[in-house]
Amino acid sequence: MKNALPALLAVTALAAGLAGCGDADTAQRGGAVDTRPATTAPETTTSPANAQSALERNAADANRLVGEGSEDLKARLASLKGHPVVVNQWASWCGPCRFEFPFFAAAVKKHGAKVAFVGIDYMDDRDGAQGFIDEQPPGFPSVYDGDGEAARAIGGGRVMPTTLFIGPDGRTRHKKLGGYANASELDADIRRYALGASR
């Protein structure tokens, strides 16, 4: 009987220990038992991926003329509120615009995950504009502005090209009149006025 008591205690301890382990799923959840029904969806919150959806929608329209005039430009900018936006006013007949377009294409690849890029095709021929975009894709969508009203509505229109830096609050932070001489100058302005605009 003396030998049977330790064996009985060992079996009891082993059974209690196994009861506490649960199944493999319970062990993976740190020992807690999940009492939710299997059909209950996890709670959703705003995630960085959801916050990027406006940028992704804008980027999906890259290298196309999207909309026309000041109302369509305002609607596009409104959809991007909460993000910094770089707006480039260009035209197919503008030599400096042609020169700087590759700088913008590089900038979109570098900063497009955090900054929205939008073009304004200013007082241009629509076919010429699309031909220019096909020849030198800038990586961003552009609103067609045949009469120049859209550019003037946001403070552009006087000098070709013009680049505006709009903060997440929708206010213009900086206006660059004339073209960029190189990609480094554009990159510096994006870092200063677009990526630094949220402070």
C-alpha atoms as a PDB file:
ATOM      1  CA  MET A   1       0.000   0.000   0.000  1.00  0.00           C
ATOM      2  CA  LYS A   2       2.918   2.284   0.788  1.00  0.00           C
ATOM      3  CA  ASN A   3       4.265   1.781  -2.788  1.00  0.00           C
ATOM      4  CA  ALA A   4       0.812   2.398  -4.353  1.00  0.00           C
ATOM      5  CA  LEU A   5       0.327   5.868  -2.772  1.00  0.00           C
ATOM      6  CA  PRO A   6       3.190   7.640  -4.619  1.00  0.00           C
ATOM      7  CA  ALA A   7       2.099   6.062  -7.905  1.00  0.00           C
ATOM      8  CA  LEU A   8      -1.498   7.234  -7.344  1.00  0.00           C
ATOM      9  CA  LEU A   9      -0.316  10.778  -6.583  1.00  0.00           C
ATOM     10  CA  ALA A  10       1.828  10.837  -9.735  1.00  0.00           C
ATOM     11  CA  VAL A  11      -1.104   9.722 -11.914  1.00  0.00           C
ATOM     12  CA  THR A  12      -3.372  12.388 -10.333  1.00  0.00           C
ATOM     13  CA  ALA A  13      -0.779  15.140 -10.945  1.00  0.00           C
ATOM     14  CA  LEU A  14      -0.311  14.032 -14.552  1.00  0.00           C
ATOM     15  CA  ALA A  15      -4.074  14.095 -15.207  1.00  0.00           C
ATOM     16  CA  ALA A  16      -4.389  17.598 -13.702  1.00  0.00           C
ATOM     17  CA  GLY A  17      -1.490  18.825 -15.807  1.00  0.00           C
ATOM     18  CA  LEU A  18      -2.973  17.458 -19.031  1.00  0.00           C
ATOM     19  CA  ALA A  19      -6.337  19.049 -18.258  1.00  0.00           C
ATOM     20  CA  GLY A  20      -4.633  22.464 -18.078  1.00  0.00           C
ATOM     21  CA  CYS A  21      -2.897  22.133 -21.472  1.00  0.00           C
ATOM     22  CA  GLY A  22      -5.996  22.149 -23.630  1.00  0.00           C
ATOM     23  CA  ASP A  23      -5.807  21.612 -27.402  1.00  0.00           C
ATOM     24  CA  ALA A  24      -3.092  22.807 -29.765  1.00  0.00           C
ATOM     25  CA  ASP A  25      -5.101  25.923 -30.731  1.00  0.00           C
ATOM     26  CA  THR A  26      -5.459  26.924 -27.103  1.00  0.00           C
ATOM     27  CA  ALA A  27      -1.717  26.518 -26.581  1.00  0.00           C
ATOM     28  CA  GLN A  28      -0.995  28.799 -29.557  1.00  0.00           C
ATOM     29  CA  ARG A  29      -3.210  31.470 -28.007  1.00  0.00           C
ATOM     30  CA  GLY A  30      -1.106  31.471 -24.869  1.00  0.00           C
ATOM     31  CA  GLY A  31      -3.344  29.092 -22.912  1.00  0.00           C
ATOM     32  CA  ALA A  32      -6.490  31.264 -23.134  1.00  0.00           C
ATOM     33  CA  VAL A  33      -9.662  29.637 -24.333  1.00  0.00           C
ATOM     34  CA  ASP A  34     -11.393  31.449 -27.208  1.00  0.00           C
ATOM     35  CA  THR A  35     -15.110  31.527 -26.414  1.00  0.00           C
ATOM     36  CA  ARG A  36     -16.173  33.581 -29.458  1.00  0.00           C
ATOM     37  CA  PRO A  37     -18.364  31.858 -32.039  1.00  0.00           C
ATOM     38  CA  ALA A  38     -16.403  30.802 -35.113  1.00  0.00           C
ATOM     39  CA  THR A  39     -18.347  33.275 -37.270  1.00  0.00           C
ATOM     40  CA  THR A  40     -17.418  36.362 -35.214  1.00  0.00           C
ATOM     41  CA  ALA A  41     -15.233  38.694 -37.303  1.00  0.00           C
ATOM     42  CA  PRO A  42     -12.281  40.371 -35.615  1.00  0.00           C
ATOM     43  CA  GLU A  43     -12.693  44.028 -34.744  1.00  0.00           C
ATOM     44  CA  THR A  44     -11.446  46.390 -37.449  1.00  0.00           C
ATOM     45  CA  THR A  45      -9.619  49.644 -36.880  1.00  0.00           C
ATOM     46  CA  THR A  46      -8.129  52.202 -39.190  1.00  0.00           C
ATOM     47  CA  SER A  47      -4.763  50.838 -40.215  1.00  0.00           C
ATOM     48  CA  PRO A  48      -1.885  52.400 -42.146  1.00  0.00           C
ATOM     49  CA  ALA A  49      -2.994  50.299 -45.136  1.00  0.00           C
ATOM     50  CA  ASN A  50      -6.456  51.911 -45.038  1.00  0.00           C
ATOM     51  CA  ALA A  51      -4.883  55.353 -44.744  1.00  0.00           C
ATOM     52  CA  GLN A  52      -2.926  54.711 -47.940  1.00  0.00           C
ATOM     53  CA  SER A  53      -5.991  53.932 -50.043  1.00  0.00           C
ATOM     54  CA  ALA A  54      -6.396  57.520 -51.316  1.00  0.00           C
ATOM     55  CA  LEU A  55      -2.772  57.536 -52.460  1.00  0.00           C
ATOM     56  CA  GLU A  56      -3.232  54.161 -54.127  1.00  0.00           C
ATOM     57  CA  ARG A  57      -6.378  55.299 -55.938  1.00  0.00           C
ATOM     58  CA  ASN A  58      -4.583  58.404 -57.191  1.00  0.00           C
ATOM     59  CA  ALA A  59      -1.553  56.372 -58.302  1.00  0.00           C
ATOM     60  CA  ALA A  60      -3.813  53.946 -60.185  1.00  0.00           C
ATOM     61  CA  ASP A  61      -4.683  56.812 -62.571  1.00  0.00           C
ATOM     62  CA  ALA A  62      -1.026  57.535 -63.396  1.00  0.00           C
ATOM     63  CA  ASN A  63      -0.053  58.666 -66.899  1.00  0.00           C
ATOM     64  CA  ARG A  64      -3.607  59.579 -67.900  1.00  0.00           C
ATOM     65  CA  LEU A  65      -5.690  62.714 -68.249  1.00  0.00           C
ATOM     66  CA  VAL A  66      -8.392  62.393 -65.603  1.00  0.00           C
ATOM     67  CA  GLY A  67     -11.178  64.924 -65.553  1.00  0.00           C
ATOM     68  CA  GLU A  68     -11.256  68.476 -66.805  1.00  0.00           C
ATOM     69  CA  GLY A  69     -11.355  71.915 -65.277  1.00  0.00           C
ATOM     70  CA  SER A  70     -11.291  73.409 -61.821  1.00  0.00           C
ATOM     71  CA  GLU A  71     -14.151  71.331 -60.355  1.00  0.00           C
ATOM     72  CA  ASP A  72     -12.446  68.037 -61.200  1.00  0.00           C
ATOM     73  CA  LEU A  73      -9.112  69.343 -59.887  1.00  0.00           C
ATOM     74  CA  LYS A  74     -10.724  70.478 -56.627  1.00  0.00           C
ATOM     75  CA  ALA A  75     -12.465  67.112 -56.251  1.00  0.00           C
ATOM     76  CA  ARG A  76      -9.194  65.238 -56.763  1.00  0.00           C
ATOM     77  CA  LEU A  77      -7.350  67.418 -54.255  1.00  0.00           C
ATOM     78  CA  ALA A  78     -10.210  67.034 -51.760  1.00  0.00           C
ATOM     79  CA  SER A  79      -9.970  63.242 -52.074  1.00  0.00           C
ATOM     80  CA  LEU A  80      -6.284  63.501 -51.121  1.00  0.00           C
ATOM     81  CA  LYS A  81      -6.790  65.691 -48.058  1.00  0.00           C
ATOM     82  CA  GLY A  82      -4.822  64.271 -45.158  1.00  0.00           C
ATOM     83  CA  HIS A  83      -1.852  63.582 -47.430  1.00  0.00           C
ATOM     84  CA  PRO A  84       0.776  65.976 -48.772  1.00  0.00           C
ATOM     85  CA  VAL A  85       0.281  66.667 -52.485  1.00  0.00           C
ATOM     86  CA  VAL A  86       2.725  67.876 -55.124  1.00  0.00           C
ATOM     87  CA  VAL A  87       0.902  69.537 -58.035  1.00  0.00           C
ATOM     88  CA  ASN A  88       2.844  70.075 -61.267  1.00  0.00           C
ATOM     89  CA  GLN A  89       1.467  72.469 -63.882  1.00  0.00           C
ATOM     90  CA  TRP A  90       2.758  71.411 -67.297  1.00  0.00           C
ATOM     91  CA  ALA A  91       2.001  71.401 -71.027  1.00  0.00           C
ATOM     92  CA  SER A  92       3.244  69.455 -74.030  1.00  0.00           C
ATOM     93  CA  TRP A  93       4.371  72.707 -75.693  1.00  0.00           C
ATOM     94  CA  CYS A  94       6.530  73.689 -72.676  1.00  0.00           C
ATOM     95  CA  GLY A  95      10.245  72.897 -73.105  1.00  0.00           C
ATOM     96  CA  PRO A  96      11.147  73.146 -69.377  1.00  0.00           C
ATOM     97  CA  CYS A  97       8.195  70.841 -68.598  1.00  0.00           C
ATOM     98  CA  ARG A  98       9.644  68.229 -70.918  1.00  0.00           C
ATOM     99  CA  PHE A  99      13.043  68.656 -69.283  1.00  0.00           C
ATOM    100  CA  GLU A 100      11.801  68.136 -65.726  1.00  0.00           C
ATOM    101  CA  PHE A 101       9.292  65.312 -66.320  1.00  0.00           C
ATOM    102  CA  PRO A 102      11.921  62.578 -65.750  1.00  0.00           C
ATOM    103  CA  PHE A 103      12.693  64.190 -62.363  1.00  0.00           C
ATOM    104  CA  PHE A 104       9.033  63.853 -61.408  1.00  0.00           C
ATOM    105  CA  ALA A 105       8.896  60.238 -62.594  1.00  0.00           C
ATOM    106  CA  ALA A 106      11.844  59.446 -60.306  1.00  0.00           C
ATOM    107  CA  ALA A 107      10.283  61.382 -57.411  1.00  0.00           C
ATOM    108  CA  VAL A 108       7.014  59.467 -57.713  1.00  0.00           C
ATOM    109  CA  LYS A 109       8.897  56.166 -57.470  1.00  0.00           C
ATOM    110  CA  LYS A 110      10.832  57.422 -54.451  1.00  0.00           C
ATOM    111  CA  HIS A 111       8.106  59.235 -52.488  1.00  0.00           C
ATOM    112  CA  GLY A 112       4.795  57.945 -53.898  1.00  0.00           C
ATOM    113  CA  ALA A 113       4.021  55.849 -50.817  1.00  0.00           C
ATOM    114  CA  LYS A 114       3.773  59.020 -48.685  1.00  0.00           C
ATOM    115  CA  VAL A 115       3.111  61.855 -51.138  1.00  0.00           C
ATOM    116  CA  ALA A 116       0.408  62.226 -53.793  1.00  0.00           C
ATOM    117  CA  PHE A 117       1.395  63.676 -57.170  1.00  0.00           C
ATOM    118  CA  VAL A 118      -1.104  65.379 -59.480  1.00  0.00           C
ATOM    119  CA  GLY A 119      -0.576  67.222 -62.755  1.00  0.00           C
ATOM    120  CA  ILE A 120      -2.437  70.081 -64.387  1.00  0.00           C
ATOM    121  CA  ASP A 121      -2.222  70.043 -68.186  1.00  0.00           C
ATOM    122  CA  TYR A 122      -2.363  73.804 -68.748  1.00  0.00           C
ATOM    123  CA  MET A 123      -3.905  75.360 -71.884  1.00  0.00           C
ATOM    124  CA  ASP A 124      -2.821  72.449 -74.034  1.00  0.00           C
ATOM    125  CA  ASP A 125      -4.127  70.384 -76.916  1.00  0.00           C
ATOM    126  CA  ARG A 126      -5.600  67.194 -75.474  1.00  0.00           C
ATOM    127  CA  ASP A 127      -4.083  64.910 -78.134  1.00  0.00           C
ATOM    128  CA  GLY A 128      -0.684  66.573 -77.806  1.00  0.00           C
ATOM    129  CA  ALA A 129      -0.878  66.231 -74.039  1.00  0.00           C
ATOM    130  CA  GLN A 130      -1.678  62.516 -74.136  1.00  0.00           C
ATOM    131  CA  GLY A 131       1.075  61.985 -76.710  1.00  0.00           C
ATOM    132  CA  PHE A 132       3.556  63.700 -74.392  1.00  0.00           C
ATOM    133  CA  ILE A 133       2.436  61.569 -71.438  1.00  0.00           C
ATOM    134  CA  ASP A 134       2.833  58.413 -73.544  1.00  0.00           C
ATOM    135  CA  GLU A 135       6.303  59.527 -74.624  1.00  0.00           C
ATOM    136  CA  GLN A 136       7.487  60.602 -71.143  1.00  0.00           C
ATOM    137  CA  PRO A 137       5.279  59.014 -68.463  1.00  0.00           C
ATOM    138  CA  PRO A 138       5.512  61.152 -65.316  1.00  0.00           C
ATOM    139  CA  GLY A 139       3.995  58.552 -62.999  1.00  0.00           C
ATOM    140  CA  PHE A 140       1.050  60.724 -61.918  1.00  0.00           C
ATOM    141  CA  PRO A 141      -2.447  61.555 -63.228  1.00  0.00           C
ATOM    142  CA  SER A 142      -3.217  64.981 -64.693  1.00  0.00           C
ATOM    143  CA  VAL A 143      -6.373  67.053 -64.916  1.00  0.00           C
ATOM    144  CA  TYR A 144      -6.909  68.639 -68.334  1.00  0.00           C
ATOM    145  CA  ASP A 145      -7.084  72.443 -68.046  1.00  0.00           C
ATOM    146  CA  GLY A 146      -7.824  73.754 -71.528  1.00  0.00           C
ATOM    147  CA  ASP A 147      -8.744  77.286 -70.480  1.00  0.00           C
ATOM    148  CA  GLY A 148      -6.298  77.649 -67.560  1.00  0.00           C
ATOM    149  CA  GLU A 149      -9.033  78.116 -64.939  1.00  0.00           C
ATOM    150  CA  ALA A 150      -8.039  75.087 -62.861  1.00  0.00           C
ATOM    151  CA  ALA A 151      -4.416  76.217 -62.487  1.00  0.00           C
ATOM    152  CA  ARG A 152      -5.453  79.770 -61.633  1.00  0.00           C
ATOM    153  CA  ALA A 153      -7.961  78.499 -59.055  1.00  0.00           C
ATOM    154  CA  ILE A 154      -5.130  77.091 -56.929  1.00  0.00           C
ATOM    155  CA  GLY A 155      -2.583  79.866 -57.494  1.00  0.00           C
ATOM    156  CA  GLY A 156      -0.821  78.696 -60.644  1.00  0.00           C
ATOM    157  CA  GLY A 157      -1.102  79.728 -64.265  1.00  0.00           C
ATOM    158  CA  ARG A 158       1.424  82.558 -64.601  1.00  0.00           C
ATOM    159  CA  VAL A 159       4.702  80.717 -65.181  1.00  0.00           C
ATOM    160  CA  MET A 160       5.392  77.414 -66.942  1.00  0.00           C
ATOM    161  CA  PRO A 161       6.008  75.047 -65.330  1.00  0.00           C
ATOM    162  CA  THR A 162       4.828  75.738 -61.791  1.00  0.00           C
ATOM    163  CA  THR A 163       4.900  73.255 -58.922  1.00  0.00           C
ATOM    164  CA  LEU A 164       2.771  73.660 -55.813  1.00  0.00           C
ATOM    165  CA  PHE A 165       3.283  71.834 -52.520  1.00  0.00           C
ATOM    166  CA  ILE A 166       0.026  71.332 -50.632  1.00  0.00           C
ATOM    167  CA  GLY A 167       0.020  70.165 -47.018  1.00  0.00           C
ATOM    168  CA  PRO A 168      -2.235  67.486 -45.544  1.00  0.00           C
ATOM    169  CA  ASP A 169      -4.536  70.294 -44.381  1.00  0.00           C
ATOM    170  CA  GLY A 170      -5.157  71.364 -48.001  1.00  0.00           C
ATOM    171  CA  ARG A 171      -3.198  74.618 -47.736  1.00  0.00           C
ATOM    172  CA  THR A 172      -0.442  75.532 -50.192  1.00  0.00           C
ATOM    173  CA  ARG A 173       2.925  75.448 -48.391  1.00  0.00           C
ATOM    174  CA  HIS A 174       5.190  76.479 -51.262  1.00  0.00           C
ATOM    175  CA  LYS A 175       5.043  77.494 -54.905  1.00  0.00           C
ATOM    176  CA  LYS A 176       7.986  76.895 -57.243  1.00  0.00           C
ATOM    177  CA  LEU A 177       7.832  79.071 -60.350  1.00  0.00           C
ATOM    178  CA  GLY A 178       9.749  77.670 -63.309  1.00  0.00           C
ATOM    179  CA  GLY A 179      11.301  74.291 -63.909  1.00  0.00           C
ATOM    180  CA  TYR A 180      13.678  72.238 -61.824  1.00  0.00           C
ATOM    181  CA  ALA A 181      17.281  72.157 -63.001  1.00  0.00           C
ATOM    182  CA  ASN A 182      17.857  68.670 -61.626  1.00  0.00           C
ATOM    183  CA  ALA A 183      16.274  65.832 -59.665  1.00  0.00           C
ATOM    184  CA  SER A 184      18.095  66.782 -56.453  1.00  0.00           C
ATOM    185  CA  GLU A 185      16.401  70.207 -56.295  1.00  0.00           C
ATOM    186  CA  LEU A 186      12.971  68.627 -56.694  1.00  0.00           C
ATOM    187  CA  ASP A 187      13.793  65.982 -54.094  1.00  0.00           C
ATOM    188  CA  ALA A 188      14.914  68.662 -51.619  1.00  0.00           C
ATOM    189  CA  ASP A 189      11.644  70.589 -52.064  1.00  0.00           C
ATOM    190  CA  ILE A 190       9.584  67.410 -51.619  1.00  0.00           C
ATOM    191  CA  ARG A 191      11.429  66.617 -48.393  1.00  0.00           C
ATOM    192  CA  ARG A 192      11.078  70.168 -47.101  1.00  0.00           C
ATOM    193  CA  TYR A 193       7.568  71.158 -48.189  1.00  0.00           C
ATOM    194  CA  ALA A 194       5.710  67.855 -48.662  1.00  0.00           C
ATOM    195  CA  LEU A 195       7.214  65.420 -46.191  1.00  0.00           C
ATOM    196  CA  GLY A 196       7.867  68.214 -43.678  1.00  0.00           C
ATOM    197  CA  ALA A 197       4.459  69.805 -44.187  1.00  0.00           C
ATOM    198  CA  SER A 198       2.706  67.767 -41.488  1.00  0.00           C
ATOM    199  CA  ARG A 199       4.555  69.460 -38.621  1.00  0.00           C
END
